Amino acid sequence: MKPPQEEVARPGPWQESVWDYPRPPRVEQVEARVVVRFGGQVIADTTDAVRVLETSHPPVYYLPRSAFAPGVLQPADGHTVCEYKGAASYLSVALPAGERAEAAAWFYPSPAPGYRELVDRVAVYPGRMDECTVDGERVRPQAGGFYGGWITSRVVGPFKGEPGTLGW
């Protein structure tokens, strides 16, 4: 199911519509600087990110585990399964001063075939961080507590997760 055609935004010349993204999802390398801030600190800064593109969802950015400050990623309870990428495990983001975001990140320890680019990469929920940026642009988090998409001016929707999108 998909929204009525008149609700789907038309992308500008430098934009993408999430309704043109594939299903099953595609992983692609990103040529951008991605920065994550939490607790007033930069906890990750990299130009080696990949993004997962899936119909109706804003991209999810995965950063190398090595891009995160030492010790900020800690194992958390919980697992979920993506029908395409496989079983995900969760991580909390914690600072030595005590600030903590429970289960604010996830990764695929053994991604399914076709998603090997996600090995040793971590995604964060942008709404649980102070700020996430892509090439200096502040990201808006995808609506809905389960989704981890990063909305920038580059993508247009509507996006799954907003009220009324459960059936998409």
N, C-alpha and C. Protein backbone atom coordinates (compact mmCIF):
# COMPACT_ATOMS: atom_id res chain seq x y z
N MET A 1 0.84 -1.17 0.00
CA MET A 1 0.00 0.00 0.00
C MET A 1 0.89 1.24 0.00
N LYS A 2 0.43 2.30 -0.62
CA LYS A 2 1.22 3.52 -0.73
C LYS A 2 0.27 4.70 -0.66
N PRO A 3 0.79 5.89 -0.33
CA PRO A 3 -0.12 7.04 -0.22
C PRO A 3 -0.69 7.40 -1.58
N PRO A 4 -1.81 8.14 -1.59
CA PRO A 4 -2.36 8.59 -2.87
C PRO A 4 -1.31 9.39 -3.64
N GLN A 5 -1.29 9.25 -4.95
CA GLN A 5 -0.28 9.87 -5.79
C GLN A 5 -0.14 11.37 -5.53
N GLU A 6 -1.24 12.06 -5.25
CA GLU A 6 -1.18 13.51 -5.03
C GLU A 6 -0.46 13.87 -3.74
N GLU A 7 -0.27 12.90 -2.83
CA GLU A 7 0.46 13.16 -1.59
C GLU A 7 1.97 12.98 -1.74
N VAL A 8 2.41 12.30 -2.78
CA VAL A 8 3.84 12.05 -2.97
C VAL A 8 4.48 13.31 -3.54
N ALA A 9 5.46 13.84 -2.80
CA ALA A 9 6.14 15.07 -3.23
C ALA A 9 6.99 14.81 -4.46
N ARG A 10 7.05 15.80 -5.33
CA ARG A 10 7.92 15.70 -6.51
C ARG A 10 9.30 16.24 -6.12
N PRO A 11 10.33 15.42 -6.36
CA PRO A 11 11.67 15.89 -5.99
C PRO A 11 12.16 16.99 -6.92
N GLY A 12 12.94 17.90 -6.34
CA GLY A 12 13.61 18.91 -7.15
C GLY A 12 14.80 18.29 -7.85
N PRO A 13 15.53 19.06 -8.65
CA PRO A 13 16.64 18.50 -9.43
C PRO A 13 17.76 17.90 -8.59
N TRP A 14 17.92 18.31 -7.34
CA TRP A 14 18.99 17.80 -6.47
C TRP A 14 18.44 16.91 -5.37
N GLN A 15 17.16 16.53 -5.48
CA GLN A 15 16.52 15.73 -4.44
C GLN A 15 16.18 14.33 -4.92
N GLU A 16 15.81 13.48 -3.94
CA GLU A 16 15.36 12.12 -4.20
C GLU A 16 14.01 11.93 -3.51
N SER A 17 13.15 11.13 -4.11
CA SER A 17 11.90 10.74 -3.47
C SER A 17 12.10 9.36 -2.85
N VAL A 18 11.67 9.22 -1.60
CA VAL A 18 11.78 7.91 -0.96
C VAL A 18 10.88 6.88 -1.66
N TRP A 19 9.96 7.36 -2.50
CA TRP A 19 9.09 6.45 -3.23
C TRP A 19 9.78 5.88 -4.48
N ASP A 20 10.98 6.40 -4.78
CA ASP A 20 11.80 5.83 -5.85
C ASP A 20 12.85 4.87 -5.30
N TYR A 21 12.95 4.77 -3.97
CA TYR A 21 13.90 3.83 -3.37
C TYR A 21 13.38 2.41 -3.55
N PRO A 22 14.29 1.44 -3.57
CA PRO A 22 13.88 0.05 -3.85
C PRO A 22 13.35 -0.70 -2.62
N ARG A 23 12.71 -1.79 -2.91
CA ARG A 23 12.36 -2.79 -1.91
C ARG A 23 12.58 -4.13 -2.58
N PRO A 24 13.48 -4.97 -2.13
CA PRO A 24 14.27 -4.85 -0.92
C PRO A 24 15.23 -3.66 -0.96
N PRO A 25 15.67 -3.23 0.25
CA PRO A 25 16.52 -2.06 0.35
C PRO A 25 17.88 -2.24 -0.33
N ARG A 26 18.49 -1.08 -0.64
CA ARG A 26 19.82 -1.04 -1.25
C ARG A 26 20.76 -0.32 -0.30
N VAL A 27 22.02 -0.78 -0.25
CA VAL A 27 23.07 -0.12 0.52
C VAL A 27 23.97 0.61 -0.46
N GLU A 28 24.28 1.89 -0.14
CA GLU A 28 25.19 2.62 -1.01
C GLU A 28 26.17 3.46 -0.19
N GLN A 29 27.37 3.58 -0.73
CA GLN A 29 28.40 4.41 -0.11
C GLN A 29 27.99 5.87 -0.18
N VAL A 30 28.34 6.64 0.83
CA VAL A 30 28.01 8.06 0.90
C VAL A 30 29.28 8.87 0.81
N GLU A 31 29.26 9.89 -0.01
CA GLU A 31 30.40 10.81 -0.09
C GLU A 31 30.00 12.08 0.65
N ALA A 32 29.97 11.99 1.98
CA ALA A 32 29.56 13.11 2.81
C ALA A 32 30.24 12.97 4.17
N ARG A 33 30.35 14.09 4.86
CA ARG A 33 30.84 14.05 6.24
C ARG A 33 29.63 13.89 7.15
N VAL A 34 29.67 12.86 7.98
CA VAL A 34 28.59 12.57 8.91
C VAL A 34 29.12 12.74 10.33
N VAL A 35 28.42 13.56 11.11
CA VAL A 35 28.84 13.86 12.49
C VAL A 35 27.67 13.58 13.42
N VAL A 36 27.98 12.94 14.55
CA VAL A 36 26.97 12.64 15.58
C VAL A 36 27.45 13.28 16.88
N ARG A 37 26.55 14.06 17.52
CA ARG A 37 26.85 14.71 18.80
C ARG A 37 25.89 14.19 19.87
N PHE A 38 26.45 13.94 21.04
CA PHE A 38 25.66 13.49 22.18
C PHE A 38 26.31 14.01 23.45
N GLY A 39 25.48 14.49 24.38
CA GLY A 39 26.02 14.99 25.64
C GLY A 39 26.96 16.16 25.44
N GLY A 40 26.72 16.95 24.39
CA GLY A 40 27.57 18.10 24.12
C GLY A 40 28.90 17.76 23.49
N GLN A 41 29.10 16.50 23.11
CA GLN A 41 30.37 16.06 22.53
C GLN A 41 30.16 15.43 21.16
N VAL A 42 31.17 15.53 20.32
CA VAL A 42 31.18 14.78 19.07
C VAL A 42 31.56 13.35 19.44
N ILE A 43 30.65 12.42 19.16
CA ILE A 43 30.94 11.02 19.47
C ILE A 43 31.29 10.21 18.22
N ALA A 44 31.02 10.78 17.04
CA ALA A 44 31.40 10.12 15.78
C ALA A 44 31.53 11.19 14.71
N ASP A 45 32.54 11.01 13.86
CA ASP A 45 32.81 11.96 12.77
C ASP A 45 33.50 11.16 11.68
N THR A 46 32.87 11.05 10.52
CA THR A 46 33.44 10.20 9.47
C THR A 46 33.04 10.67 8.08
N THR A 47 33.85 10.31 7.13
CA THR A 47 33.50 10.46 5.71
C THR A 47 33.38 9.07 5.07
N ASP A 48 33.28 8.04 5.92
CA ASP A 48 33.16 6.66 5.47
C ASP A 48 31.84 6.06 5.96
N ALA A 49 30.74 6.59 5.46
CA ALA A 49 29.42 6.09 5.85
C ALA A 49 28.75 5.42 4.65
N VAL A 50 27.79 4.56 4.96
CA VAL A 50 26.91 4.02 3.93
C VAL A 50 25.49 4.35 4.37
N ARG A 51 24.57 4.35 3.41
CA ARG A 51 23.18 4.55 3.76
C ARG A 51 22.36 3.43 3.15
N VAL A 52 21.28 3.08 3.87
CA VAL A 52 20.35 2.07 3.39
C VAL A 52 19.12 2.81 2.90
N LEU A 53 18.73 2.51 1.66
CA LEU A 53 17.59 3.15 1.01
C LEU A 53 16.48 2.13 0.84
N GLU A 54 15.31 2.45 1.38
CA GLU A 54 14.17 1.53 1.30
C GLU A 54 12.90 2.33 1.03
N THR A 55 12.07 1.81 0.14
CA THR A 55 10.82 2.48 -0.23
C THR A 55 10.09 3.01 0.99
N SER A 56 9.70 4.27 0.93
CA SER A 56 8.90 5.00 1.92
C SER A 56 9.66 5.47 3.15
N HIS A 57 10.94 5.11 3.26
CA HIS A 57 11.74 5.49 4.43
C HIS A 57 12.84 6.47 4.06
N PRO A 58 13.09 7.48 4.91
CA PRO A 58 14.29 8.27 4.68
C PRO A 58 15.52 7.39 4.90
N PRO A 59 16.66 7.74 4.32
CA PRO A 59 17.85 6.90 4.46
C PRO A 59 18.25 6.70 5.93
N VAL A 60 18.82 5.53 6.20
CA VAL A 60 19.45 5.26 7.48
C VAL A 60 20.95 5.21 7.22
N TYR A 61 21.70 6.00 7.99
CA TYR A 61 23.15 6.09 7.82
C TYR A 61 23.83 5.14 8.80
N TYR A 62 24.78 4.37 8.28
CA TYR A 62 25.58 3.44 9.07
C TYR A 62 27.03 3.91 9.03
N LEU A 63 27.60 4.09 10.21
CA LEU A 63 28.96 4.58 10.35
C LEU A 63 29.86 3.45 10.81
N PRO A 64 31.14 3.49 10.44
CA PRO A 64 32.04 2.46 10.95
C PRO A 64 32.10 2.52 12.47
N ARG A 65 32.11 1.38 13.09
CA ARG A 65 32.22 1.33 14.55
C ARG A 65 33.45 2.11 15.01
N SER A 66 34.51 2.06 14.21
CA SER A 66 35.76 2.76 14.57
C SER A 66 35.63 4.29 14.53
N ALA A 67 34.56 4.82 13.93
CA ALA A 67 34.35 6.27 13.89
C ALA A 67 33.84 6.82 15.21
N PHE A 68 33.35 5.94 16.08
CA PHE A 68 32.80 6.36 17.37
C PHE A 68 33.91 6.50 18.40
N ALA A 69 33.76 7.46 19.30
CA ALA A 69 34.72 7.65 20.38
C ALA A 69 34.82 6.35 21.19
N PRO A 70 36.01 6.02 21.64
CA PRO A 70 36.18 4.78 22.40
C PRO A 70 35.25 4.73 23.62
N GLY A 71 34.59 3.58 23.78
CA GLY A 71 33.77 3.33 24.96
C GLY A 71 32.36 3.88 24.94
N VAL A 72 31.98 4.69 23.93
CA VAL A 72 30.63 5.27 23.95
C VAL A 72 29.55 4.27 23.56
N LEU A 73 29.89 3.25 22.81
CA LEU A 73 28.91 2.24 22.41
C LEU A 73 28.98 1.06 23.37
N GLN A 74 27.86 0.78 24.03
CA GLN A 74 27.81 -0.31 25.01
C GLN A 74 26.65 -1.24 24.69
N PRO A 75 26.83 -2.54 24.87
CA PRO A 75 25.76 -3.49 24.57
C PRO A 75 24.47 -3.14 25.32
N ALA A 76 23.35 -3.33 24.64
CA ALA A 76 22.03 -3.07 25.23
C ALA A 76 21.14 -4.30 25.00
N ASP A 77 20.11 -4.41 25.81
CA ASP A 77 19.15 -5.50 25.63
C ASP A 77 18.35 -5.26 24.36
N GLY A 78 17.90 -6.33 23.78
CA GLY A 78 16.99 -6.24 22.66
C GLY A 78 17.59 -6.67 21.34
N HIS A 79 16.74 -7.29 20.55
CA HIS A 79 17.08 -7.73 19.20
C HIS A 79 15.83 -7.59 18.35
N THR A 80 16.03 -7.28 17.09
CA THR A 80 14.93 -7.27 16.13
C THR A 80 15.41 -7.97 14.88
N VAL A 81 14.48 -8.31 14.01
CA VAL A 81 14.84 -8.98 12.76
C VAL A 81 14.25 -8.21 11.60
N CYS A 82 15.10 -7.89 10.64
CA CYS A 82 14.67 -7.30 9.38
C CYS A 82 14.58 -8.44 8.37
N GLU A 83 13.48 -8.49 7.64
CA GLU A 83 13.32 -9.58 6.67
C GLU A 83 14.40 -9.58 5.60
N TYR A 84 15.09 -8.47 5.42
CA TYR A 84 16.13 -8.38 4.39
C TYR A 84 17.55 -8.42 4.98
N LYS A 85 17.79 -7.61 6.02
CA LYS A 85 19.14 -7.45 6.54
C LYS A 85 19.52 -8.48 7.59
N GLY A 86 18.52 -9.09 8.24
CA GLY A 86 18.82 -10.11 9.25
C GLY A 86 18.56 -9.60 10.66
N ALA A 87 19.23 -10.24 11.63
CA ALA A 87 19.04 -9.93 13.05
C ALA A 87 19.90 -8.75 13.48
N ALA A 88 19.26 -7.78 14.12
CA ALA A 88 19.95 -6.59 14.62
C ALA A 88 20.10 -6.69 16.14
N SER A 89 21.22 -6.18 16.63
CA SER A 89 21.46 -6.06 18.06
C SER A 89 21.55 -4.58 18.39
N TYR A 90 21.25 -4.22 19.65
CA TYR A 90 21.20 -2.82 20.04
C TYR A 90 22.36 -2.41 20.92
N LEU A 91 22.63 -1.12 20.89
CA LEU A 91 23.70 -0.52 21.68
C LEU A 91 23.17 0.72 22.38
N SER A 92 23.65 0.95 23.57
CA SER A 92 23.39 2.22 24.24
C SER A 92 24.56 3.14 23.97
N VAL A 93 24.30 4.43 24.02
CA VAL A 93 25.35 5.43 23.87
C VAL A 93 25.56 6.02 25.26
N ALA A 94 26.79 5.92 25.77
CA ALA A 94 27.08 6.35 27.14
C ALA A 94 28.37 7.15 27.19
N LEU A 95 28.35 8.20 28.00
CA LEU A 95 29.53 9.04 28.21
C LEU A 95 30.08 8.81 29.61
N PRO A 96 31.38 9.01 29.80
CA PRO A 96 31.97 8.82 31.13
C PRO A 96 31.30 9.67 32.22
N ALA A 97 30.78 10.84 31.86
CA ALA A 97 30.14 11.72 32.85
C ALA A 97 28.79 11.20 33.29
N GLY A 98 28.29 10.14 32.67
CA GLY A 98 27.05 9.53 33.10
C GLY A 98 25.88 9.71 32.16
N GLU A 99 25.98 10.60 31.18
CA GLU A 99 24.87 10.76 30.24
C GLU A 99 24.75 9.49 29.40
N ARG A 100 23.49 9.05 29.19
CA ARG A 100 23.27 7.75 28.54
C ARG A 100 21.98 7.77 27.73
N ALA A 101 22.01 7.17 26.57
CA ALA A 101 20.82 6.97 25.74
C ALA A 101 20.70 5.47 25.53
N GLU A 102 19.69 4.88 26.16
CA GLU A 102 19.50 3.43 26.10
C GLU A 102 19.04 2.98 24.71
N ALA A 103 19.65 1.92 24.22
CA ALA A 103 19.27 1.31 22.94
C ALA A 103 19.08 2.36 21.85
N ALA A 104 20.02 3.27 21.76
CA ALA A 104 19.95 4.38 20.80
C ALA A 104 20.66 4.10 19.49
N ALA A 105 21.23 2.90 19.37
CA ALA A 105 21.96 2.52 18.16
C ALA A 105 21.76 1.03 17.91
N TRP A 106 22.02 0.61 16.69
CA TRP A 106 21.90 -0.81 16.36
C TRP A 106 22.91 -1.18 15.29
N PHE A 107 23.11 -2.50 15.17
CA PHE A 107 24.03 -3.03 14.17
C PHE A 107 23.61 -4.45 13.81
N TYR A 108 24.16 -4.95 12.73
CA TYR A 108 23.89 -6.32 12.28
C TYR A 108 25.18 -7.12 12.43
N PRO A 109 25.27 -7.95 13.48
CA PRO A 109 26.51 -8.72 13.69
C PRO A 109 26.85 -9.63 12.52
N SER A 110 25.82 -10.23 11.91
CA SER A 110 26.01 -11.12 10.76
C SER A 110 24.91 -10.80 9.75
N PRO A 111 25.07 -9.71 8.99
CA PRO A 111 24.00 -9.34 8.06
C PRO A 111 23.75 -10.41 7.01
N ALA A 112 22.54 -10.41 6.51
CA ALA A 112 22.15 -11.36 5.46
C ALA A 112 22.94 -11.10 4.18
N PRO A 113 23.03 -12.12 3.32
CA PRO A 113 23.70 -11.92 2.03
C PRO A 113 23.10 -10.71 1.31
N GLY A 114 23.95 -9.94 0.68
CA GLY A 114 23.52 -8.74 0.00
C GLY A 114 23.66 -7.50 0.86
N TYR A 115 23.97 -7.69 2.15
CA TYR A 115 24.09 -6.55 3.08
C TYR A 115 25.42 -6.61 3.85
N ARG A 116 26.41 -7.25 3.25
CA ARG A 116 27.73 -7.40 3.90
C ARG A 116 28.39 -6.05 4.16
N GLU A 117 27.99 -5.01 3.43
CA GLU A 117 28.57 -3.67 3.64
C GLU A 117 28.25 -3.14 5.04
N LEU A 118 27.30 -3.77 5.74
CA LEU A 118 26.92 -3.31 7.07
C LEU A 118 27.76 -3.93 8.19
N VAL A 119 28.64 -4.88 7.85
CA VAL A 119 29.52 -5.48 8.86
C VAL A 119 30.36 -4.38 9.49
N ASP A 120 30.44 -4.39 10.82
CA ASP A 120 31.23 -3.42 11.60
C ASP A 120 30.75 -1.99 11.43
N ARG A 121 29.47 -1.81 11.12
CA ARG A 121 28.88 -0.47 11.02
C ARG A 121 27.71 -0.35 11.99
N VAL A 122 27.49 0.87 12.46
CA VAL A 122 26.47 1.15 13.47
C VAL A 122 25.59 2.29 12.99
N ALA A 123 24.29 2.15 13.21
CA ALA A 123 23.33 3.23 12.93
C ALA A 123 22.83 3.77 14.27
N VAL A 124 22.55 5.07 14.32
CA VAL A 124 21.99 5.67 15.52
C VAL A 124 20.62 6.27 15.20
N TYR A 125 19.76 6.30 16.20
CA TYR A 125 18.50 7.02 16.08
C TYR A 125 18.81 8.51 16.23
N PRO A 126 18.64 9.30 15.18
CA PRO A 126 19.01 10.71 15.28
C PRO A 126 18.22 11.48 16.33
N GLY A 127 16.98 11.05 16.61
CA GLY A 127 16.18 11.74 17.62
C GLY A 127 16.63 11.50 19.04
N ARG A 128 17.53 10.54 19.24
CA ARG A 128 18.03 10.25 20.59
C ARG A 128 19.40 10.87 20.83
N MET A 129 19.94 11.51 19.81
CA MET A 129 21.21 12.20 19.91
C MET A 129 20.95 13.71 20.04
N ASP A 130 21.96 14.46 20.45
CA ASP A 130 21.82 15.93 20.47
C ASP A 130 21.65 16.45 19.05
N GLU A 131 22.46 15.88 18.15
CA GLU A 131 22.43 16.35 16.77
C GLU A 131 23.17 15.35 15.88
N CYS A 132 22.63 15.13 14.70
CA CYS A 132 23.31 14.38 13.64
C CYS A 132 23.32 15.29 12.42
N THR A 133 24.45 15.35 11.72
CA THR A 133 24.54 16.18 10.53
C THR A 133 25.12 15.39 9.37
N VAL A 134 24.70 15.77 8.18
CA VAL A 134 25.25 15.23 6.94
C VAL A 134 25.74 16.44 6.15
N ASP A 135 27.04 16.51 5.94
CA ASP A 135 27.66 17.67 5.28
C ASP A 135 27.21 18.98 5.90
N GLY A 136 27.13 19.00 7.21
CA GLY A 136 26.79 20.21 7.94
C GLY A 136 25.30 20.49 8.10
N GLU A 137 24.45 19.75 7.40
CA GLU A 137 23.01 19.95 7.53
C GLU A 137 22.46 19.09 8.67
N ARG A 138 21.75 19.76 9.57
CA ARG A 138 21.15 19.04 10.70
C ARG A 138 20.03 18.13 10.21
N VAL A 139 20.04 16.90 10.67
CA VAL A 139 19.09 15.87 10.29
C VAL A 139 17.83 15.98 11.15
N ARG A 140 16.68 15.74 10.54
CA ARG A 140 15.44 15.57 11.30
C ARG A 140 15.19 14.07 11.41
N PRO A 141 14.79 13.59 12.60
CA PRO A 141 14.54 12.16 12.74
C PRO A 141 13.23 11.74 12.09
N GLN A 142 13.21 10.53 11.57
CA GLN A 142 11.99 9.93 11.04
C GLN A 142 11.01 9.74 12.19
N ALA A 143 9.75 10.03 11.95
CA ALA A 143 8.72 9.87 12.99
C ALA A 143 8.52 8.40 13.33
N GLY A 144 7.99 8.16 14.50
CA GLY A 144 7.73 6.79 14.95
C GLY A 144 8.92 6.27 15.73
N GLY A 145 8.71 5.73 16.88
CA GLY A 145 9.79 5.30 17.75
C GLY A 145 10.66 4.18 17.21
N PHE A 146 10.16 3.41 16.25
CA PHE A 146 10.91 2.27 15.77
C PHE A 146 11.88 2.63 14.64
N TYR A 147 11.55 3.64 13.88
CA TYR A 147 12.31 3.95 12.67
C TYR A 147 13.51 4.84 12.96
N GLY A 148 14.57 4.67 12.19
CA GLY A 148 15.80 5.42 12.43
C GLY A 148 16.26 6.23 11.24
N GLY A 149 15.33 6.65 10.37
CA GLY A 149 15.70 7.40 9.18
C GLY A 149 16.19 8.81 9.48
N TRP A 150 17.04 9.28 8.58
CA TRP A 150 17.64 10.61 8.68
C TRP A 150 17.06 11.47 7.57
N ILE A 151 16.27 12.47 7.92
CA ILE A 151 15.64 13.34 6.93
C ILE A 151 16.49 14.59 6.73
N THR A 152 16.90 14.80 5.48
CA THR A 152 17.62 16.01 5.09
C THR A 152 16.85 16.67 3.95
N SER A 153 17.30 17.83 3.54
CA SER A 153 16.64 18.53 2.43
C SER A 153 16.79 17.77 1.12
N ARG A 154 17.66 16.78 1.08
CA ARG A 154 17.89 16.00 -0.13
C ARG A 154 16.75 15.02 -0.43
N VAL A 155 15.96 14.64 0.58
CA VAL A 155 14.91 13.64 0.37
C VAL A 155 13.52 14.22 0.60
N VAL A 156 12.56 13.72 -0.19
CA VAL A 156 11.17 14.13 -0.04
C VAL A 156 10.31 12.90 0.18
N GLY A 157 9.16 13.08 0.80
CA GLY A 157 8.28 11.98 1.16
C GLY A 157 6.93 12.06 0.49
N PRO A 158 5.91 11.67 1.20
CA PRO A 158 5.82 11.47 2.64
C PRO A 158 6.59 10.24 3.11
N PHE A 159 6.90 10.23 4.42
CA PHE A 159 7.72 9.19 5.01
C PHE A 159 6.90 8.27 5.90
N LYS A 160 7.20 6.99 5.84
CA LYS A 160 6.58 6.03 6.75
C LYS A 160 6.93 6.44 8.18
N GLY A 161 5.97 6.26 9.07
CA GLY A 161 6.18 6.62 10.47
C GLY A 161 5.27 7.76 10.91
N GLU A 162 4.86 8.59 9.95
CA GLU A 162 3.94 9.68 10.26
C GLU A 162 2.56 9.08 10.56
N PRO A 163 1.70 9.83 11.27
CA PRO A 163 0.34 9.32 11.52
C PRO A 163 -0.35 8.93 10.21
N GLY A 164 -1.02 7.79 10.23
CA GLY A 164 -1.76 7.30 9.06
C GLY A 164 -0.94 6.48 8.09
N THR A 165 0.33 6.18 8.42
CA THR A 165 1.19 5.46 7.48
C THR A 165 1.42 3.99 7.86
N LEU A 166 0.77 3.54 8.90
CA LEU A 166 1.00 2.18 9.39
C LEU A 166 0.84 1.11 8.31
N GLY A 167 -0.13 1.29 7.42
CA GLY A 167 -0.39 0.30 6.38
C GLY A 167 0.52 0.35 5.17
N TRP A 168 1.45 1.28 5.13
CA TRP A 168 2.34 1.39 3.95
C TRP A 168 3.34 0.27 3.91
